[in-house]
Amino acid sequence: MCIGANCKMGDYVHISVCEKVEIGKNCLMASNIFISDNQHGVYKGNEKTSPEIVPDDRKIYRASIYIGEDVCILPNVRIRT
């Protein structure tokens, strides 16, 4: 994990890293944010993990996350792929 200079984060910010999470400099993040580069199962396109499988038995998928410089993530913001 790499966090750039002059980043500010509110309380209860949780970052889960299996692969790589990079946050550029001068970023501002509100409280109660969860950032994760991993998940139990996959849920996109035609590839969906069955909800019948308990989370601990699902394959872990991971992909790097990059948040650029001078980014502001505040309440009611949506980030889409």
PDB file of N, CA and C in Angstrom:
ATOM      1  N   MET A   1       0.853  -1.170   0.000  1.00  0.00           N
ATOM      2  CA  MET A   1       0.000   0.000   0.000  1.00  0.00           C
ATOM      3  C   MET A   1       0.897   1.230   0.000  1.00  0.00           C
ATOM      4  N   CYS A   2       0.499   2.223  -0.759  1.00  0.00           N
ATOM      5  CA  CYS A   2       1.257   3.464  -0.855  1.00  0.00           C
ATOM      6  C   CYS A   2       0.264   4.628  -0.758  1.00  0.00           C
ATOM      7  N   ILE A   3       0.508   5.519   0.200  1.00  0.00           N
ATOM      8  CA  ILE A   3      -0.330   6.709   0.374  1.00  0.00           C
ATOM      9  C   ILE A   3       0.549   7.929   0.161  1.00  0.00           C
ATOM     10  N   GLY A   4       0.163   8.802  -0.779  1.00  0.00           N
ATOM     11  CA  GLY A   4       0.945   9.984  -1.115  1.00  0.00           C
ATOM     12  C   GLY A   4       0.954  11.027  -0.004  1.00  0.00           C
ATOM     13  N   ALA A   5       1.806  12.000  -0.161  1.00  0.00           N
ATOM     14  CA  ALA A   5       1.967  13.083   0.818  1.00  0.00           C
ATOM     15  C   ALA A   5       0.707  13.925   0.934  1.00  0.00           C
ATOM     16  N   ASN A   6       0.491  14.462   2.108  1.00  0.00           N
ATOM     17  CA  ASN A   6      -0.574  15.423   2.375  1.00  0.00           C
ATOM     18  C   ASN A   6      -1.984  14.853   2.174  1.00  0.00           C
ATOM     19  N   CYS A   7      -2.165  13.560   2.441  1.00  0.00           N
ATOM     20  CA  CYS A   7      -3.501  12.952   2.374  1.00  0.00           C
ATOM     21  C   CYS A   7      -4.175  13.073   3.732  1.00  0.00           C
ATOM     22  N   LYS A   8      -5.454  13.332   3.724  1.00  0.00           N
ATOM     23  CA  LYS A   8      -6.240  13.439   4.952  1.00  0.00           C
ATOM     24  C   LYS A   8      -7.394  12.454   4.886  1.00  0.00           C
ATOM     25  N   MET A   9      -7.575  11.695   5.973  1.00  0.00           N
ATOM     26  CA  MET A   9      -8.668  10.727   6.041  1.00  0.00           C
ATOM     27  C   MET A   9      -9.427  10.923   7.338  1.00  0.00           C
ATOM     28  N   GLY A  10     -10.749  10.830   7.250  1.00  0.00           N
ATOM     29  CA  GLY A  10     -11.576  10.911   8.442  1.00  0.00           C
ATOM     30  C   GLY A  10     -11.464   9.632   9.263  1.00  0.00           C
ATOM     31  N   ASP A  11     -12.252   9.557  10.320  1.00  0.00           N
ATOM     32  CA  ASP A  11     -12.209   8.365  11.170  1.00  0.00           C
ATOM     33  C   ASP A  11     -12.942   7.199  10.514  1.00  0.00           C
ATOM     34  N   TYR A  12     -12.636   6.018  10.968  1.00  0.00           N
ATOM     35  CA  TYR A  12     -13.249   4.776  10.474  1.00  0.00           C
ATOM     36  C   TYR A  12     -13.041   4.542   8.979  1.00  0.00           C
ATOM     37  N   VAL A  13     -11.853   4.884   8.467  1.00  0.00           N
ATOM     38  CA  VAL A  13     -11.482   4.544   7.098  1.00  0.00           C
ATOM     39  C   VAL A  13     -10.779   3.190   7.159  1.00  0.00           C
ATOM     40  N   HIS A  14     -11.299   2.215   6.424  1.00  0.00           N
ATOM     41  CA  HIS A  14     -10.735   0.861   6.411  1.00  0.00           C
ATOM     42  C   HIS A  14     -10.211   0.571   5.008  1.00  0.00           C
ATOM     43  N   ILE A  15      -8.965   0.108   4.931  1.00  0.00           N
ATOM     44  CA  ILE A  15      -8.360  -0.239   3.645  1.00  0.00           C
ATOM     45  C   ILE A  15      -7.871  -1.679   3.737  1.00  0.00           C
ATOM     46  N   SER A  16      -8.411  -2.542   2.878  1.00  0.00           N
ATOM     47  CA  SER A  16      -8.035  -3.961   2.845  1.00  0.00           C
ATOM     48  C   SER A  16      -7.200  -4.200   1.589  1.00  0.00           C
ATOM     49  N   VAL A  17      -5.985  -4.740   1.774  1.00  0.00           N
ATOM     50  CA  VAL A  17      -5.060  -4.900   0.648  1.00  0.00           C
ATOM     51  C   VAL A  17      -4.557  -6.334   0.541  1.00  0.00           C
ATOM     52  N   CYS A  18      -4.797  -6.961  -0.608  1.00  0.00           N
ATOM     53  CA  CYS A  18      -4.177  -8.259  -0.937  1.00  0.00           C
ATOM     54  C   CYS A  18      -3.206  -8.084  -2.099  1.00  0.00           C
ATOM     55  N   GLU A  19      -3.528  -7.211  -3.027  1.00  0.00           N
ATOM     56  CA  GLU A  19      -2.736  -6.985  -4.238  1.00  0.00           C
ATOM     57  C   GLU A  19      -1.981  -5.660  -4.100  1.00  0.00           C
ATOM     58  N   LYS A  20      -2.673  -4.533  -4.353  1.00  0.00           N
ATOM     59  CA  LYS A  20      -2.033  -3.225  -4.271  1.00  0.00           C
ATOM     60  C   LYS A  20      -3.094  -2.122  -4.223  1.00  0.00           C
ATOM     61  N   VAL A  21      -2.938  -1.199  -3.287  1.00  0.00           N
ATOM     62  CA  VAL A  21      -3.767   0.003  -3.218  1.00  0.00           C
ATOM     63  C   VAL A  21      -2.815   1.188  -3.196  1.00  0.00           C
ATOM     64  N   GLU A  22      -3.002   2.096  -4.149  1.00  0.00           N
ATOM     65  CA  GLU A  22      -2.168   3.280  -4.251  1.00  0.00           C
ATOM     66  C   GLU A  22      -3.059   4.513  -4.200  1.00  0.00           C
ATOM     67  N   ILE A  23      -2.718   5.461  -3.349  1.00  0.00           N
ATOM     68  CA  ILE A  23      -3.483   6.704  -3.216  1.00  0.00           C
ATOM     69  C   ILE A  23      -2.512   7.851  -3.469  1.00  0.00           C
ATOM     70  N   GLY A  24      -2.836   8.693  -4.445  1.00  0.00           N
ATOM     71  CA  GLY A  24      -1.961   9.809  -4.804  1.00  0.00           C
ATOM     72  C   GLY A  24      -1.935  10.890  -3.739  1.00  0.00           C
ATOM     73  N   LYS A  25      -1.079  11.862  -3.932  1.00  0.00           N
ATOM     74  CA  LYS A  25      -0.910  12.945  -2.949  1.00  0.00           C
ATOM     75  C   LYS A  25      -2.108  13.897  -2.952  1.00  0.00           C
ATOM     76  N   ASN A  26      -2.251  14.610  -1.853  1.00  0.00           N
ATOM     77  CA  ASN A  26      -3.277  15.651  -1.686  1.00  0.00           C
ATOM     78  C   ASN A  26      -4.705  15.137  -1.799  1.00  0.00           C
ATOM     79  N   CYS A  27      -4.972  13.947  -1.298  1.00  0.00           N
ATOM     80  CA  CYS A  27      -6.321  13.393  -1.351  1.00  0.00           C
ATOM     81  C   CYS A  27      -7.050  13.628  -0.029  1.00  0.00           C
ATOM     82  N   LEU A  28      -8.330  13.828  -0.110  1.00  0.00           N
ATOM     83  CA  LEU A  28      -9.176  14.036   1.060  1.00  0.00           C
ATOM     84  C   LEU A  28     -10.266  12.980   1.052  1.00  0.00           C
ATOM     85  N   MET A  29     -10.398  12.254   2.163  1.00  0.00           N
ATOM     86  CA  MET A  29     -11.417  11.211   2.268  1.00  0.00           C
ATOM     87  C   MET A  29     -12.227  11.415   3.537  1.00  0.00           C
ATOM     88  N   ALA A  30     -13.529  11.322   3.410  1.00  0.00           N
ATOM     89  CA  ALA A  30     -14.434  11.484   4.544  1.00  0.00           C
ATOM     90  C   ALA A  30     -14.340  10.284   5.481  1.00  0.00           C
ATOM     91  N   SER A  31     -15.104  10.296   6.537  1.00  0.00           N
ATOM     92  CA  SER A  31     -15.182   9.182   7.489  1.00  0.00           C
ATOM     93  C   SER A  31     -15.985   8.026   6.902  1.00  0.00           C
ATOM     94  N   ASN A  32     -15.831   6.857   7.511  1.00  0.00           N
ATOM     95  CA  ASN A  32     -16.633   5.670   7.171  1.00  0.00           C
ATOM     96  C   ASN A  32     -16.481   5.225   5.718  1.00  0.00           C
ATOM     97  N   ILE A  33     -15.250   5.158   5.231  1.00  0.00           N
ATOM     98  CA  ILE A  33     -14.974   4.701   3.872  1.00  0.00           C
ATOM     99  C   ILE A  33     -14.318   3.327   3.948  1.00  0.00           C
ATOM    100  N   PHE A  34     -14.719   2.432   3.039  1.00  0.00           N
ATOM    101  CA  PHE A  34     -14.116   1.106   2.942  1.00  0.00           C
ATOM    102  C   PHE A  34     -13.541   0.951   1.543  1.00  0.00           C
ATOM    103  N   ILE A  35     -12.239   0.680   1.457  1.00  0.00           N
ATOM    104  CA  ILE A  35     -11.554   0.470   0.186  1.00  0.00           C
ATOM    105  C   ILE A  35     -10.961  -0.929   0.230  1.00  0.00           C
ATOM    106  N   SER A  36     -11.260  -1.752  -0.775  1.00  0.00           N
ATOM    107  CA  SER A  36     -10.757  -3.122  -0.779  1.00  0.00           C
ATOM    108  C   SER A  36     -10.372  -3.533  -2.192  1.00  0.00           C
ATOM    109  N   ASP A  37      -9.202  -4.108  -2.338  1.00  0.00           N
ATOM    110  CA  ASP A  37      -8.777  -4.614  -3.640  1.00  0.00           C
ATOM    111  C   ASP A  37      -9.090  -6.100  -3.777  1.00  0.00           C
ATOM    112  N   ASN A  38      -9.905  -6.631  -2.873  1.00  0.00           N
ATOM    113  CA  ASN A  38     -10.216  -8.057  -2.883  1.00  0.00           C
ATOM    114  C   ASN A  38     -11.663  -8.288  -2.478  1.00  0.00           C
ATOM    115  N   GLN A  39     -12.193  -9.435  -2.909  1.00  0.00           N
ATOM    116  CA  GLN A  39     -13.574  -9.795  -2.567  1.00  0.00           C
ATOM    117  C   GLN A  39     -13.733 -11.304  -2.632  1.00  0.00           C
ATOM    118  N   HIS A  40     -14.684 -11.810  -1.892  1.00  0.00           N
ATOM    119  CA  HIS A  40     -15.007 -13.244  -1.910  1.00  0.00           C
ATOM    120  C   HIS A  40     -16.036 -13.473  -2.999  1.00  0.00           C
ATOM    121  N   GLY A  41     -15.621 -14.063  -4.104  1.00  0.00           N
ATOM    122  CA  GLY A  41     -16.523 -14.296  -5.223  1.00  0.00           C
ATOM    123  C   GLY A  41     -16.410 -13.187  -6.249  1.00  0.00           C
ATOM    124  N   VAL A  42     -17.100 -13.389  -7.360  1.00  0.00           N
ATOM    125  CA  VAL A  42     -17.092 -12.391  -8.433  1.00  0.00           C
ATOM    126  C   VAL A  42     -18.538 -12.076  -8.811  1.00  0.00           C
ATOM    127  N   TYR A  43     -18.797 -10.822  -9.149  1.00  0.00           N
ATOM    128  CA  TYR A  43     -20.173 -10.372  -9.387  1.00  0.00           C
ATOM    129  C   TYR A  43     -20.230  -9.390 -10.551  1.00  0.00           C
ATOM    130  N   LYS A  44     -19.768  -9.801 -11.722  1.00  0.00           N
ATOM    131  CA  LYS A  44     -19.850  -8.914 -12.886  1.00  0.00           C
ATOM    132  C   LYS A  44     -20.113  -9.728 -14.135  1.00  0.00           C
ATOM    133  N   GLY A  45     -20.811  -9.116 -15.070  1.00  0.00           N
ATOM    134  CA  GLY A  45     -21.120  -9.794 -16.319  1.00  0.00           C
ATOM    135  C   GLY A  45     -21.886 -11.085 -16.082  1.00  0.00           C
ATOM    136  N   ASN A  46     -21.534 -12.100 -16.830  1.00  0.00           N
ATOM    137  CA  ASN A  46     -22.181 -13.402 -16.682  1.00  0.00           C
ATOM    138  C   ASN A  46     -21.538 -14.240 -15.584  1.00  0.00           C
ATOM    139  N   GLU A  47     -20.422 -13.780 -15.078  1.00  0.00           N
ATOM    140  CA  GLU A  47     -19.703 -14.536 -14.050  1.00  0.00           C
ATOM    141  C   GLU A  47     -20.150 -14.053 -12.666  1.00  0.00           C
ATOM    142  N   LYS A  48     -20.957 -14.874 -12.026  1.00  0.00           N
ATOM    143  CA  LYS A  48     -21.469 -14.518 -10.699  1.00  0.00           C
ATOM    144  C   LYS A  48     -21.324 -15.718  -9.774  1.00  0.00           C
ATOM    145  N   THR A  49     -20.771 -15.480  -8.602  1.00  0.00           N
ATOM    146  CA  THR A  49     -20.638 -16.538  -7.605  1.00  0.00           C
ATOM    147  C   THR A  49     -21.995 -16.769  -6.955  1.00  0.00           C
ATOM    148  N   SER A  50     -22.326 -18.005  -6.756  1.00  0.00           N
ATOM    149  CA  SER A  50     -23.620 -18.347  -6.167  1.00  0.00           C
ATOM    150  C   SER A  50     -23.704 -17.867  -4.719  1.00  0.00           C
ATOM    151  N   PRO A  51     -24.818 -17.239  -4.345  1.00  0.00           N
ATOM    152  CA  PRO A  51     -25.000 -16.827  -2.950  1.00  0.00           C
ATOM    153  C   PRO A  51     -25.180 -18.022  -2.015  1.00  0.00           C
ATOM    154  N   GLU A  52     -25.368 -19.207  -2.601  1.00  0.00           N
ATOM    155  CA  GLU A  52     -25.487 -20.428  -1.798  1.00  0.00           C
ATOM    156  C   GLU A  52     -24.150 -20.826  -1.174  1.00  0.00           C
ATOM    157  N   ILE A  53     -23.051 -20.355  -1.759  1.00  0.00           N
ATOM    158  CA  ILE A  53     -21.720 -20.675  -1.236  1.00  0.00           C
ATOM    159  C   ILE A  53     -21.393 -19.673  -0.134  1.00  0.00           C
ATOM    160  N   VAL A  54     -21.029 -20.168   1.039  1.00  0.00           N
ATOM    161  CA  VAL A  54     -20.685 -19.260   2.143  1.00  0.00           C
ATOM    162  C   VAL A  54     -19.429 -18.475   1.773  1.00  0.00           C
ATOM    163  N   PRO A  55     -19.303 -17.202   2.203  1.00  0.00           N
ATOM    164  CA  PRO A  55     -18.178 -16.353   1.797  1.00  0.00           C
ATOM    165  C   PRO A  55     -16.802 -16.987   1.993  1.00  0.00           C
ATOM    166  N   ASP A  56     -16.586 -17.690   3.090  1.00  0.00           N
ATOM    167  CA  ASP A  56     -15.265 -18.275   3.334  1.00  0.00           C
ATOM    168  C   ASP A  56     -14.898 -19.363   2.329  1.00  0.00           C
ATOM    169  N   ASP A  57     -15.891 -19.935   1.631  1.00  0.00           N
ATOM    170  CA  ASP A  57     -15.630 -20.983   0.643  1.00  0.00           C
ATOM    171  C   ASP A  57     -15.517 -20.436  -0.782  1.00  0.00           C
ATOM    172  N   ARG A  58     -15.760 -19.154  -0.967  1.00  0.00           N
ATOM    173  CA  ARG A  58     -15.674 -18.550  -2.294  1.00  0.00           C
ATOM    174  C   ARG A  58     -14.229 -18.207  -2.627  1.00  0.00           C
ATOM    175  N   LYS A  59     -13.895 -18.258  -3.905  1.00  0.00           N
ATOM    176  CA  LYS A  59     -12.567 -17.873  -4.359  1.00  0.00           C
ATOM    177  C   LYS A  59     -12.374 -16.376  -4.102  1.00  0.00           C
ATOM    178  N   ILE A  60     -11.176 -15.995  -3.693  1.00  0.00           N
ATOM    179  CA  ILE A  60     -10.875 -14.578  -3.475  1.00  0.00           C
ATOM    180  C   ILE A  60     -10.366 -13.979  -4.778  1.00  0.00           C
ATOM    181  N   TYR A  61     -11.045 -12.935  -5.233  1.00  0.00           N
ATOM    182  CA  TYR A  61     -10.631 -12.197  -6.417  1.00  0.00           C
ATOM    183  C   TYR A  61      -9.957 -10.918  -5.971  1.00  0.00           C
ATOM    184  N   ARG A  62      -8.911 -10.528  -6.684  1.00  0.00           N
ATOM    185  CA  ARG A  62      -8.172  -9.317  -6.317  1.00  0.00           C
ATOM    186  C   ARG A  62      -7.730  -8.556  -7.557  1.00  0.00           C
ATOM    187  N   ALA A  63      -7.668  -7.261  -7.433  1.00  0.00           N
ATOM    188  CA  ALA A  63      -7.190  -6.394  -8.507  1.00  0.00           C
ATOM    189  C   ALA A  63      -6.719  -5.084  -7.881  1.00  0.00           C
ATOM    190  N   SER A  64      -5.657  -4.536  -8.417  1.00  0.00           N
ATOM    191  CA  SER A  64      -5.071  -3.306  -7.869  1.00  0.00           C
ATOM    192  C   SER A  64      -6.033  -2.131  -7.968  1.00  0.00           C
ATOM    193  N   ILE A  65      -5.893  -1.197  -7.035  1.00  0.00           N
ATOM    194  CA  ILE A  65      -6.689   0.032  -7.017  1.00  0.00           C
ATOM    195  C   ILE A  65      -5.721   1.209  -7.048  1.00  0.00           C
ATOM    196  N   TYR A  66      -6.023   2.197  -7.902  1.00  0.00           N
ATOM    197  CA  TYR A  66      -5.247   3.432  -7.926  1.00  0.00           C
ATOM    198  C   TYR A  66      -6.202   4.609  -7.817  1.00  0.00           C
ATOM    199  N   ILE A  67      -5.995   5.417  -6.814  1.00  0.00           N
ATOM    200  CA  ILE A  67      -6.747   6.660  -6.636  1.00  0.00           C
ATOM    201  C   ILE A  67      -5.754   7.782  -6.923  1.00  0.00           C
ATOM    202  N   GLY A  68      -6.049   8.598  -7.919  1.00  0.00           N
ATOM    203  CA  GLY A  68      -5.112   9.624  -8.380  1.00  0.00           C
ATOM    204  C   GLY A  68      -4.872  10.750  -7.389  1.00  0.00           C
ATOM    205  N   GLU A  69      -4.123  11.737  -7.828  1.00  0.00           N
ATOM    206  CA  GLU A  69      -3.784  12.893  -6.997  1.00  0.00           C
ATOM    207  C   GLU A  69      -4.946  13.880  -6.944  1.00  0.00           C
ATOM    208  N   ASP A  70      -5.001  14.639  -5.857  1.00  0.00           N
ATOM    209  CA  ASP A  70      -5.980  15.717  -5.684  1.00  0.00           C
ATOM    210  C   ASP A  70      -7.423  15.227  -5.792  1.00  0.00           C
ATOM    211  N   VAL A  71      -7.696  14.060  -5.252  1.00  0.00           N
ATOM    212  CA  VAL A  71      -9.029  13.466  -5.293  1.00  0.00           C
ATOM    213  C   VAL A  71      -9.744  13.731  -3.975  1.00  0.00           C
ATOM    214  N   CYS A  72     -11.026  14.012  -4.074  1.00  0.00           N
ATOM    215  CA  CYS A  72     -11.862  14.255  -2.906  1.00  0.00           C
ATOM    216  C   CYS A  72     -12.982  13.219  -2.895  1.00  0.00           C
ATOM    217  N   ILE A  73     -13.011  12.345  -1.892  1.00  0.00           N
ATOM    218  CA  ILE A  73     -14.070  11.343  -1.780  1.00  0.00           C
ATOM    219  C   ILE A  73     -14.873  11.687  -0.537  1.00  0.00           C
ATOM    220  N   LEU A  74     -16.063  12.200  -0.755  1.00  0.00           N
ATOM    221  CA  LEU A  74     -16.913  12.668   0.334  1.00  0.00           C
ATOM    222  C   LEU A  74     -18.257  11.949   0.274  1.00  0.00           C
ATOM    223  N   PRO A  75     -19.128  12.148   1.261  1.00  0.00           N
ATOM    224  CA  PRO A  75     -20.426  11.466   1.247  1.00  0.00           C
ATOM    225  C   PRO A  75     -21.190  11.696  -0.057  1.00  0.00           C
ATOM    226  N   ASN A  76     -21.920  10.672  -0.460  1.00  0.00           N
ATOM    227  CA  ASN A  76     -22.780  10.675  -1.652  1.00  0.00           C
ATOM    228  C   ASN A  76     -22.007  10.730  -2.969  1.00  0.00           C
ATOM    229  N   VAL A  77     -20.712  10.413  -2.952  1.00  0.00           N
ATOM    230  CA  VAL A  77     -19.915  10.357  -4.178  1.00  0.00           C
ATOM    231  C   VAL A  77     -19.971   8.925  -4.696  1.00  0.00           C
ATOM    232  N   ARG A  78     -20.141   8.761  -6.004  1.00  0.00           N
ATOM    233  CA  ARG A  78     -20.117   7.437  -6.631  1.00  0.00           C
ATOM    234  C   ARG A  78     -18.906   7.345  -7.539  1.00  0.00           C
ATOM    235  N   ILE A  79     -18.176   6.256  -7.416  1.00  0.00           N
ATOM    236  CA  ILE A  79     -17.030   5.999  -8.277  1.00  0.00           C
ATOM    237  C   ILE A  79     -17.385   4.753  -9.081  1.00  0.00           C
ATOM    238  N   ARG A  80     -17.403   4.870 -10.382  1.00  0.00           N
ATOM    239  CA  ARG A  80     -17.793   3.732 -11.234  1.00  0.00           C
ATOM    240  C   ARG A  80     -16.631   3.316 -12.104  1.00  0.00           C
ATOM    241  N   THR A  81     -16.666   2.037 -12.470  1.00  0.00           N
ATOM    242  CA  THR A  81     -15.620   1.527 -13.368  1.00  0.00           C
ATOM    243  C   THR A  81     -16.045   1.654 -14.804  1.00  0.00           C
TER     244      THR A  81
END
